[in-house]
C-alpha atoms as a PDB file:
ATOM      1  CA  MET A   1      -9.633   1.795 -13.371  1.00  0.00           C
ATOM      2  CA  PHE A   2      -7.113   3.599 -11.050  1.00  0.00           C
ATOM      3  CA  ASP A   3      -5.265   0.920  -9.092  1.00  0.00           C
ATOM      4  CA  ILE A   4      -3.389   1.918  -5.944  1.00  0.00           C
ATOM      5  CA  THR A   5      -0.953  -0.402  -4.491  1.00  0.00           C
ATOM      6  CA  PHE A   6      -0.159   0.175  -0.960  1.00  0.00           C
ATOM      7  CA  THR A   7       2.986  -0.917   1.140  1.00  0.00           C
ATOM      8  CA  GLY A   8       3.969  -0.488   4.693  1.00  0.00           C
ATOM      9  CA  THR A   9       5.516  -2.020   7.677  1.00  0.00           C
ATOM     10  CA  ARG A  10       4.366  -4.745  10.088  1.00  0.00           C
ATOM     11  CA  THR A  11       5.113  -2.146  12.809  1.00  0.00           C
ATOM     12  CA  GLY A  12       2.261  -0.119  11.466  1.00  0.00           C
ATOM     13  CA  MET A  13       1.699   3.561  10.498  1.00  0.00           C
ATOM     14  CA  THR A  14       1.930   6.583  12.612  1.00  0.00           C
ATOM     15  CA  LYS A  15      -1.149   8.562  13.489  1.00  0.00           C
ATOM     16  CA  GLU A  16       0.266  11.210  11.095  1.00  0.00           C
ATOM     17  CA  GLN A  17       0.620   8.570   8.203  1.00  0.00           C
ATOM     18  CA  THR A  18      -2.832   7.183   8.876  1.00  0.00           C
ATOM     19  CA  SER A  19      -4.332  10.668   8.656  1.00  0.00           C
ATOM     20  CA  SER A  20      -2.438  11.504   5.429  1.00  0.00           C
ATOM     21  CA  LEU A  21      -3.499   8.373   3.843  1.00  0.00           C
ATOM     22  CA  PHE A  22      -7.254   9.053   4.657  1.00  0.00           C
ATOM     23  CA  ARG A  23      -6.752  12.566   3.168  1.00  0.00           C
ATOM     24  CA  HIS A  24      -5.091  11.290   0.021  1.00  0.00           C
ATOM     25  CA  LEU A  25      -7.623   8.437  -0.543  1.00  0.00           C
ATOM     26  CA  SER A  26     -10.558  10.665   0.017  1.00  0.00           C
ATOM     27  CA  HIS A  27      -9.238  13.262  -2.453  1.00  0.00           C
ATOM     28  CA  LEU A  28      -8.447  10.658  -5.062  1.00  0.00           C
ATOM     29  CA  LEU A  29     -11.860   9.217  -4.808  1.00  0.00           C
ATOM     30  CA  LYS A  30     -13.413  12.496  -5.386  1.00  0.00           C
ATOM     31  CA  LYS A  31     -10.967  13.420  -8.226  1.00  0.00           C
ATOM     32  CA  LYS A  32     -10.824   9.997 -10.060  1.00  0.00           C
ATOM     33  CA  GLY A  33     -13.761   7.854  -9.106  1.00  0.00           C
ATOM     34  CA  GLY A  34     -13.116   4.218 -10.128  1.00  0.00           C
ATOM     35  CA  ILE A  35     -10.333   3.526  -7.644  1.00  0.00           C
ATOM     36  CA  HIS A  36      -9.248   0.061  -6.508  1.00  0.00           C
ATOM     37  CA  PHE A  37      -7.014  -0.550  -3.476  1.00  0.00           C
ATOM     38  CA  HIS A  38      -4.478  -3.350  -3.206  1.00  0.00           C
ATOM     39  CA  HIS A  39      -2.463  -4.451  -0.256  1.00  0.00           C
ATOM     40  CA  GLY A  40      -0.446  -7.479   0.999  1.00  0.00           C
ATOM     41  CA  GLY A  41      -2.660  -8.439   3.944  1.00  0.00           C
ATOM     42  CA  CYS A  42      -0.205  -8.419   6.698  1.00  0.00           C
ATOM     43  CA  ARG A  43      -0.471  -7.074  10.258  1.00  0.00           C
ATOM     44  CA  GLY A  44       0.427  -3.517  10.961  1.00  0.00           C
ATOM     45  CA  ALA A  45       0.158  -0.897   8.099  1.00  0.00           C
ATOM     46  CA  ASP A  46      -1.755  -3.152   5.753  1.00  0.00           C
ATOM     47  CA  ARG A  47      -4.309  -3.565   8.415  1.00  0.00           C
ATOM     48  CA  GLN A  48      -4.534   0.166   9.062  1.00  0.00           C
ATOM     49  CA  ALA A  49      -4.692   0.895   5.284  1.00  0.00           C
ATOM     50  CA  HIS A  50      -7.427  -1.694   4.857  1.00  0.00           C
ATOM     51  CA  GLY A  51      -9.488   0.094   7.532  1.00  0.00           C
ATOM     52  CA  VAL A  52      -8.808   3.446   5.771  1.00  0.00           C
ATOM     53  CA  ALA A  53      -9.861   2.268   2.292  1.00  0.00           C
ATOM     54  CA  THR A  54     -13.041   0.819   3.904  1.00  0.00           C
ATOM     55  CA  MET A  55     -13.927   3.975   5.566  1.00  0.00           C
ATOM     56  CA  VAL A  56     -13.801   5.790   2.352  1.00  0.00           C
ATOM     57  CA  SER A  57     -15.559   3.065   0.273  1.00  0.00           C
ATOM     58  CA  ILE A  58     -12.876   1.883  -1.916  1.00  0.00           C
ATOM     59  CA  PRO A  59     -12.836  -1.507  -3.105  1.00  0.00           C
ATOM     60  CA  ILE A  60      -9.948  -3.697  -1.898  1.00  0.00           C
ATOM     61  CA  THR A  61      -7.985  -6.613  -3.129  1.00  0.00           C
ATOM     62  CA  VAL A  62      -5.620  -8.505  -0.873  1.00  0.00           C
ATOM     63  CA  HIS A  63      -2.436 -10.254  -2.167  1.00  0.00           C
ATOM     64  CA  PRO A  64      -1.445 -12.585   0.572  1.00  0.00           C
ATOM     65  CA  GLY A  65       2.294 -13.572   0.966  1.00  0.00           C
ATOM     66  CA  ASP A  66       3.304 -17.050   1.763  1.00  0.00           C
ATOM     67  CA  THR A  67       3.376 -17.035   5.532  1.00  0.00           C
ATOM     68  CA  SER A  68       0.555 -17.179   8.227  1.00  0.00           C
ATOM     69  CA  GLN A  69       1.008 -13.279   8.804  1.00  0.00           C
ATOM     70  CA  SER A  70      -0.824 -12.747   5.416  1.00  0.00           C
ATOM     71  CA  VAL A  71      -4.271 -14.210   6.086  1.00  0.00           C
ATOM     72  CA  PHE A  72      -5.532 -11.279   8.294  1.00  0.00           C
ATOM     73  CA  PHE A  73      -8.050  -9.758   5.897  1.00  0.00           C
ATOM     74  CA  GLN A  74      -9.132 -12.601   3.706  1.00  0.00           C
ATOM     75  CA  ASP A  75     -12.656 -12.694   5.159  1.00  0.00           C
ATOM     76  CA  ARG A  76     -13.372  -9.013   4.738  1.00  0.00           C
ATOM     77  CA  ALA A  77     -11.665  -8.240   1.374  1.00  0.00           C
ATOM     78  CA  CYS A  78     -13.615  -7.664  -1.785  1.00  0.00           C
ATOM     79  CA  LYS A  79     -11.096 -10.058  -3.676  1.00  0.00           C
ATOM     80  CA  VAL A  80      -8.177 -12.303  -2.513  1.00  0.00           C
ATOM     81  CA  GLU A  81      -5.571 -13.175  -4.907  1.00  0.00           C
ATOM     82  CA  ALA A  82      -3.498 -16.450  -4.674  1.00  0.00           C
ATOM     83  CA  VAL A  83      -0.731 -16.724  -2.088  1.00  0.00           C
ATOM     84  CA  GLN A  84       2.622 -15.805  -3.517  1.00  0.00           C
ATOM     85  CA  PRO A  85       6.196 -15.336  -2.193  1.00  0.00           C
ATOM     86  CA  TYR A  86       6.656 -11.917  -0.754  1.00  0.00           C
ATOM     87  CA  LEU A  87       9.021 -10.403  -3.165  1.00  0.00           C
ATOM     88  CA  GLU A  88       7.006 -11.848  -6.121  1.00  0.00           C
ATOM     89  CA  ARG A  89       3.843 -10.583  -4.713  1.00  0.00           C
ATOM     90  CA  ASN A  90       5.124  -7.056  -4.266  1.00  0.00           C
ATOM     91  CA  TRP A  91       6.534  -6.924  -7.660  1.00  0.00           C
ATOM     92  CA  ASN A  92       3.175  -8.075  -9.193  1.00  0.00           C
ATOM     93  CA  MET A  93       1.338  -5.416  -7.091  1.00  0.00           C
ATOM     94  CA  VAL A  94       3.645  -2.815  -8.346  1.00  0.00           C
ATOM     95  CA  LYS A  95       3.400  -3.800 -11.977  1.00  0.00           C
ATOM     96  CA  THR A  96      -0.361  -3.591 -11.939  1.00  0.00           C
ATOM     97  CA  ALA A  97      -0.483  -0.245  -9.999  1.00  0.00           C
ATOM     98  CA  THR A  98      -1.295   3.219 -11.433  1.00  0.00           C
ATOM     99  CA  LEU A  99       0.017   4.737  -8.120  1.00  0.00           C
ATOM    100  CA  VAL A 100       2.217   3.303  -5.361  1.00  0.00           C
ATOM    101  CA  ILE A 101       1.661   4.531  -1.967  1.00  0.00           C
ATOM    102  CA  ALA A 102       4.291   3.670   0.627  1.00  0.00           C
ATOM    103  CA  CYS A 103       4.450   4.209   4.484  1.00  0.00           C
ATOM    104  CA  PRO A 104       7.866   3.407   5.708  1.00  0.00           C
ATOM    105  CA  SER A 105       8.723   3.548   9.313  1.00  0.00           C
ATOM    106  CA  SER A 106      11.895   5.445   8.771  1.00  0.00           C
ATOM    107  CA  TYR A 107      12.753   8.716   6.827  1.00  0.00           C
ATOM    108  CA  LEU A 108      15.964   7.247   5.392  1.00  0.00           C
ATOM    109  CA  GLU A 109      16.028   4.294   2.843  1.00  0.00           C
ATOM    110  CA  GLU A 110      16.844   1.006   4.509  1.00  0.00           C
ATOM    111  CA  LEU A 111      18.377  -1.962   2.581  1.00  0.00           C
ATOM    112  CA  ARG A 112      16.794  -4.721   4.632  1.00  0.00           C
ATOM    113  CA  SER A 113      13.294  -3.431   4.435  1.00  0.00           C
ATOM    114  CA  GLY A 114      10.383  -4.863   2.346  1.00  0.00           C
ATOM    115  CA  THR A 115       8.793  -1.492   2.198  1.00  0.00           C
ATOM    116  CA  TRP A 116      11.869   0.229   0.894  1.00  0.00           C
ATOM    117  CA  ALA A 117      12.532  -2.662  -1.485  1.00  0.00           C
ATOM    118  CA  THR A 118       8.999  -2.101  -2.924  1.00  0.00           C
ATOM    119  CA  ILE A 119       9.721   1.640  -3.176  1.00  0.00           C
ATOM    120  CA  ARG A 120      12.960   0.960  -5.194  1.00  0.00           C
ATOM    121  CA  TYR A 121      11.001  -1.416  -7.362  1.00  0.00           C
ATOM    122  CA  ALA A 122       8.321   1.097  -8.032  1.00  0.00           C
ATOM    123  CA  ARG A 123      10.925   3.624  -9.044  1.00  0.00           C
ATOM    124  CA  LYS A 124      12.585   1.120 -11.409  1.00  0.00           C
ATOM    125  CA  GLN A 125       9.164   0.473 -12.964  1.00  0.00           C
ATOM    126  CA  LYS A 126       8.707   4.280 -13.407  1.00  0.00           C
ATOM    127  CA  LYS A 127       5.456   4.043 -11.448  1.00  0.00           C
ATOM    128  CA  GLU A 128       3.916   7.294  -9.808  1.00  0.00           C
ATOM    129  CA  LEU A 129       5.124   7.028  -6.240  1.00  0.00           C
ATOM    130  CA  TRP A 130       3.928   8.663  -3.086  1.00  0.00           C
ATOM    131  CA  ILE A 131       5.998   8.177   0.066  1.00  0.00           C
ATOM    132  CA  ILE A 132       4.143   9.150   3.224  1.00  0.00           C
ATOM    133  CA  LEU A 133       6.776   9.850   5.835  1.00  0.00           C
ATOM    134  CA  PRO A 134       6.434   9.146   9.608  1.00  0.00           C
ATOM    135  CA  ASP A 135       5.474  12.828  10.253  1.00  0.00           C
ATOM    136  CA  GLY A 136       2.596  12.572   7.638  1.00  0.00           C
ATOM    137  CA  THR A 137       4.375  14.579   4.833  1.00  0.00           C
ATOM    138  CA  THR A 138       4.178  13.192   1.344  1.00  0.00           C
ATOM    139  CA  ALA A 139       6.901  13.059  -1.052  1.00  0.00           C
ATOM    140  CA  LYS A 140       5.368  12.580  -4.509  1.00  0.00           C
ATOM    141  CA  GLU A 141       7.436  11.140  -7.514  1.00  0.00           C
ATOM    142  CA  ARG A 142       6.088  11.145 -10.837  1.00  0.00           C
ATOM    143  CA  ARG A 143       7.928   9.133 -13.539  1.00  0.00           C
END
């Protein structure tokens, strides 16, 4: 199984990020087959990414955080994991990932950002990481 963990902001993705994610997921599905998509179930980018994964028929698992903002997709997801504190949840999603795809709202790394914290953790765990920037370009880091 090829597990993709997605991280993005509650402000959502740009049109360019959404289009790029669609292209990447479509290509990976054709190339690899057995893909599974994981996200945190928050408003914004998770909601958009959920829609993209659904459009390309990739099974989804939601990993809700421990606030009411994380219950958005539980009725439509293939599988819903137990609620966890955000940081622990993000770390667990990264640990199980084959590939981490991140859609930050900024081009430069931010210290007080859950998306950038997840990117830093993916690097620390030596995970393959694709950062889709706001203009839709993708920086691919292979560890």
